Amino acid sequence: MKISPTDHVVIYSKVPCSYCLAAKNFFNGKDVPFTEIDLTGKHDEIAKLKQKTGHMTFPQIFINDQFIGGFDDLMKKVE
């Protein structure tokens, strides 16, 4: 998968989360803008997102409305 600055990237994150920071640093390093949605303390929204994606960990990354997974999933798909 090739990442481009025209991609629509959304990162759902929580604090603390080292993988969330790694994902943001990755996109910043590629000059790819992203929208971060911080779900820290928002238990109902976290439950809805986990039900939608089936993922229990953060970050949860979407590119062009397609669920990519977490940071490790992103790295496997772009390298």
N, C-alpha and C. Protein backbone atom coordinates (compact mmCIF):
# COMPACT_ATOMS: atom_id res chain seq x y z
N MET A 1 0.83 -1.17 0.00
CA MET A 1 0.00 0.00 0.00
C MET A 1 0.88 1.24 0.00
N LYS A 2 0.55 2.17 -0.85
CA LYS A 2 1.29 3.43 -0.91
C LYS A 2 0.46 4.52 -0.23
N ILE A 3 1.10 5.28 0.64
CA ILE A 3 0.45 6.36 1.37
C ILE A 3 0.76 7.67 0.66
N SER A 4 -0.28 8.49 0.48
CA SER A 4 -0.07 9.77 -0.18
C SER A 4 -0.73 10.89 0.62
N PRO A 5 -0.25 12.13 0.46
CA PRO A 5 -0.83 13.26 1.19
C PRO A 5 -2.30 13.52 0.85
N THR A 6 -2.79 12.94 -0.23
CA THR A 6 -4.20 13.14 -0.58
C THR A 6 -5.11 12.11 0.09
N ASP A 7 -4.51 11.11 0.76
CA ASP A 7 -5.31 10.11 1.47
C ASP A 7 -6.02 10.75 2.66
N HIS A 8 -7.20 10.27 2.97
CA HIS A 8 -7.95 10.71 4.13
C HIS A 8 -7.66 9.74 5.27
N VAL A 9 -6.87 10.19 6.24
CA VAL A 9 -6.41 9.33 7.33
C VAL A 9 -7.09 9.76 8.64
N VAL A 10 -7.64 8.78 9.36
CA VAL A 10 -8.21 9.03 10.68
C VAL A 10 -7.57 8.05 11.66
N ILE A 11 -7.08 8.60 12.76
CA ILE A 11 -6.46 7.80 13.80
C ILE A 11 -7.29 7.95 15.08
N TYR A 12 -7.87 6.85 15.53
CA TYR A 12 -8.54 6.83 16.83
C TYR A 12 -7.49 6.47 17.86
N SER A 13 -7.36 7.29 18.89
CA SER A 13 -6.29 7.10 19.86
C SER A 13 -6.81 7.21 21.28
N LYS A 14 -5.91 6.86 22.23
CA LYS A 14 -6.13 7.03 23.66
C LYS A 14 -4.81 7.48 24.26
N VAL A 15 -4.88 8.03 25.46
CA VAL A 15 -3.69 8.44 26.19
C VAL A 15 -3.65 7.63 27.47
N PRO A 16 -2.52 7.04 27.86
CA PRO A 16 -1.27 6.96 27.12
C PRO A 16 -1.33 5.84 26.08
N CYS A 17 -0.56 6.01 25.01
CA CYS A 17 -0.53 5.00 23.95
C CYS A 17 0.70 5.25 23.08
N SER A 18 1.73 4.47 23.30
CA SER A 18 2.97 4.66 22.54
C SER A 18 2.79 4.33 21.06
N TYR A 19 1.92 3.36 20.74
CA TYR A 19 1.69 3.02 19.35
C TYR A 19 0.89 4.12 18.64
N CYS A 20 0.04 4.81 19.38
CA CYS A 20 -0.68 5.95 18.80
C CYS A 20 0.32 7.04 18.42
N LEU A 21 1.26 7.31 19.31
CA LEU A 21 2.30 8.30 19.03
C LEU A 21 3.14 7.87 17.84
N ALA A 22 3.48 6.59 17.76
CA ALA A 22 4.27 6.09 16.64
C ALA A 22 3.52 6.26 15.32
N ALA A 23 2.21 6.02 15.32
CA ALA A 23 1.42 6.18 14.10
C ALA A 23 1.38 7.65 13.68
N LYS A 24 1.18 8.54 14.63
CA LYS A 24 1.16 9.98 14.30
C LYS A 24 2.51 10.43 13.78
N ASN A 25 3.59 9.95 14.39
CA ASN A 25 4.93 10.30 13.92
C ASN A 25 5.18 9.77 12.51
N PHE A 26 4.68 8.57 12.22
CA PHE A 26 4.83 7.99 10.89
C PHE A 26 4.17 8.89 9.84
N PHE A 27 2.92 9.25 10.06
CA PHE A 27 2.21 10.08 9.08
C PHE A 27 2.82 11.48 8.99
N ASN A 28 3.24 12.05 10.12
CA ASN A 28 3.90 13.36 10.08
C ASN A 28 5.19 13.28 9.27
N GLY A 29 5.93 12.18 9.43
CA GLY A 29 7.18 12.00 8.70
C GLY A 29 6.98 11.86 7.20
N LYS A 30 5.80 11.41 6.80
CA LYS A 30 5.47 11.26 5.37
C LYS A 30 4.72 12.48 4.85
N ASP A 31 4.55 13.51 5.69
CA ASP A 31 3.79 14.72 5.34
C ASP A 31 2.36 14.38 4.91
N VAL A 32 1.79 13.40 5.59
CA VAL A 32 0.41 12.99 5.31
C VAL A 32 -0.46 13.53 6.45
N PRO A 33 -1.38 14.44 6.14
CA PRO A 33 -2.24 14.97 7.19
C PRO A 33 -3.21 13.89 7.68
N PHE A 34 -3.60 14.01 8.94
CA PHE A 34 -4.53 13.05 9.52
C PHE A 34 -5.42 13.76 10.52
N THR A 35 -6.55 13.13 10.78
CA THR A 35 -7.45 13.59 11.83
C THR A 35 -7.30 12.63 12.99
N GLU A 36 -7.04 13.17 14.18
CA GLU A 36 -6.94 12.32 15.37
C GLU A 36 -8.23 12.47 16.18
N ILE A 37 -8.79 11.34 16.55
CA ILE A 37 -9.96 11.34 17.41
C ILE A 37 -9.56 10.67 18.72
N ASP A 38 -9.42 11.47 19.76
CA ASP A 38 -8.96 10.99 21.06
C ASP A 38 -10.17 10.46 21.84
N LEU A 39 -10.13 9.17 22.14
CA LEU A 39 -11.23 8.53 22.86
C LEU A 39 -10.91 8.28 24.33
N THR A 40 -9.90 8.94 24.85
CA THR A 40 -9.52 8.78 26.25
C THR A 40 -10.73 9.07 27.15
N GLY A 41 -11.08 8.08 27.96
CA GLY A 41 -12.17 8.25 28.90
C GLY A 41 -13.57 8.18 28.31
N LYS A 42 -13.68 7.94 27.03
CA LYS A 42 -14.99 7.90 26.36
C LYS A 42 -15.39 6.44 26.14
N HIS A 43 -15.79 5.79 27.20
CA HIS A 43 -16.01 4.35 27.21
C HIS A 43 -17.09 3.89 26.23
N ASP A 44 -18.17 4.65 26.11
CA ASP A 44 -19.24 4.26 25.17
C ASP A 44 -18.75 4.32 23.73
N GLU A 45 -17.99 5.37 23.38
CA GLU A 45 -17.47 5.49 22.02
C GLU A 45 -16.43 4.42 21.73
N ILE A 46 -15.62 4.08 22.73
CA ILE A 46 -14.63 3.01 22.56
C ILE A 46 -15.34 1.69 22.29
N ALA A 47 -16.39 1.41 23.04
CA ALA A 47 -17.14 0.16 22.85
C ALA A 47 -17.75 0.10 21.45
N LYS A 48 -18.28 1.21 20.96
CA LYS A 48 -18.87 1.24 19.62
C LYS A 48 -17.80 1.00 18.55
N LEU A 49 -16.63 1.63 18.71
CA LEU A 49 -15.56 1.45 17.74
C LEU A 49 -15.06 0.01 17.75
N LYS A 50 -14.89 -0.57 18.93
CA LYS A 50 -14.43 -1.95 19.02
C LYS A 50 -15.43 -2.91 18.40
N GLN A 51 -16.73 -2.61 18.56
CA GLN A 51 -17.76 -3.44 17.94
C GLN A 51 -17.69 -3.33 16.41
N LYS A 52 -17.42 -2.13 15.92
CA LYS A 52 -17.35 -1.89 14.47
C LYS A 52 -16.15 -2.59 13.84
N THR A 53 -14.99 -2.52 14.51
CA THR A 53 -13.75 -3.01 13.90
C THR A 53 -13.35 -4.41 14.36
N GLY A 54 -13.82 -4.81 15.53
CA GLY A 54 -13.38 -6.08 16.10
C GLY A 54 -12.01 -6.00 16.74
N HIS A 55 -11.42 -4.81 16.78
CA HIS A 55 -10.10 -4.60 17.39
C HIS A 55 -10.26 -4.10 18.81
N MET A 56 -9.39 -4.58 19.69
CA MET A 56 -9.47 -4.20 21.09
C MET A 56 -8.38 -3.20 21.48
N THR A 57 -7.43 -2.93 20.59
CA THR A 57 -6.28 -2.10 20.95
C THR A 57 -6.29 -0.79 20.17
N PHE A 58 -5.40 0.11 20.58
CA PHE A 58 -5.25 1.41 19.92
C PHE A 58 -3.81 1.58 19.47
N PRO A 59 -3.59 2.35 18.41
CA PRO A 59 -4.56 3.13 17.65
C PRO A 59 -5.41 2.24 16.75
N GLN A 60 -6.47 2.82 16.25
CA GLN A 60 -7.25 2.20 15.19
C GLN A 60 -7.22 3.18 14.03
N ILE A 61 -6.67 2.72 12.92
CA ILE A 61 -6.35 3.60 11.79
C ILE A 61 -7.25 3.28 10.60
N PHE A 62 -7.80 4.33 10.03
CA PHE A 62 -8.60 4.23 8.81
C PHE A 62 -7.93 5.08 7.74
N ILE A 63 -7.82 4.54 6.53
CA ILE A 63 -7.32 5.30 5.39
C ILE A 63 -8.37 5.22 4.29
N ASN A 64 -8.84 6.38 3.87
CA ASN A 64 -9.90 6.47 2.86
C ASN A 64 -11.10 5.60 3.25
N ASP A 65 -11.49 5.70 4.51
CA ASP A 65 -12.64 5.00 5.10
C ASP A 65 -12.47 3.49 5.17
N GLN A 66 -11.27 2.98 4.91
CA GLN A 66 -11.00 1.55 5.02
C GLN A 66 -10.22 1.31 6.31
N PHE A 67 -10.71 0.37 7.12
CA PHE A 67 -10.02 0.05 8.36
C PHE A 67 -8.72 -0.68 8.06
N ILE A 68 -7.61 -0.12 8.55
CA ILE A 68 -6.28 -0.69 8.32
C ILE A 68 -5.88 -1.58 9.49
N GLY A 69 -6.24 -1.18 10.69
CA GLY A 69 -5.84 -1.90 11.89
C GLY A 69 -5.06 -0.96 12.79
N GLY A 70 -4.12 -1.54 13.54
CA GLY A 70 -3.27 -0.75 14.42
C GLY A 70 -1.96 -0.37 13.76
N PHE A 71 -1.02 0.09 14.57
CA PHE A 71 0.26 0.54 14.05
C PHE A 71 1.03 -0.59 13.37
N ASP A 72 1.09 -1.76 14.02
CA ASP A 72 1.80 -2.90 13.42
C ASP A 72 1.17 -3.31 12.09
N ASP A 73 -0.17 -3.30 12.03
CA ASP A 73 -0.87 -3.62 10.78
C ASP A 73 -0.50 -2.62 9.69
N LEU A 74 -0.45 -1.34 10.07
CA LEU A 74 -0.07 -0.29 9.12
C LEU A 74 1.33 -0.55 8.57
N MET A 75 2.28 -0.86 9.45
CA MET A 75 3.65 -1.09 9.02
C MET A 75 3.76 -2.28 8.08
N LYS A 76 3.00 -3.32 8.33
CA LYS A 76 3.03 -4.50 7.45
C LYS A 76 2.46 -4.17 6.06
N LYS A 77 1.52 -3.24 6.01
CA LYS A 77 0.87 -2.94 4.74
C LYS A 77 1.61 -1.91 3.91
N VAL A 78 2.45 -1.08 4.54
CA VAL A 78 3.15 -0.05 3.78
C VAL A 78 4.59 -0.41 3.48
N GLU A 79 5.14 -1.41 4.14
CA GLU A 79 6.54 -1.75 3.88
C GLU A 79 6.67 -2.86 2.87
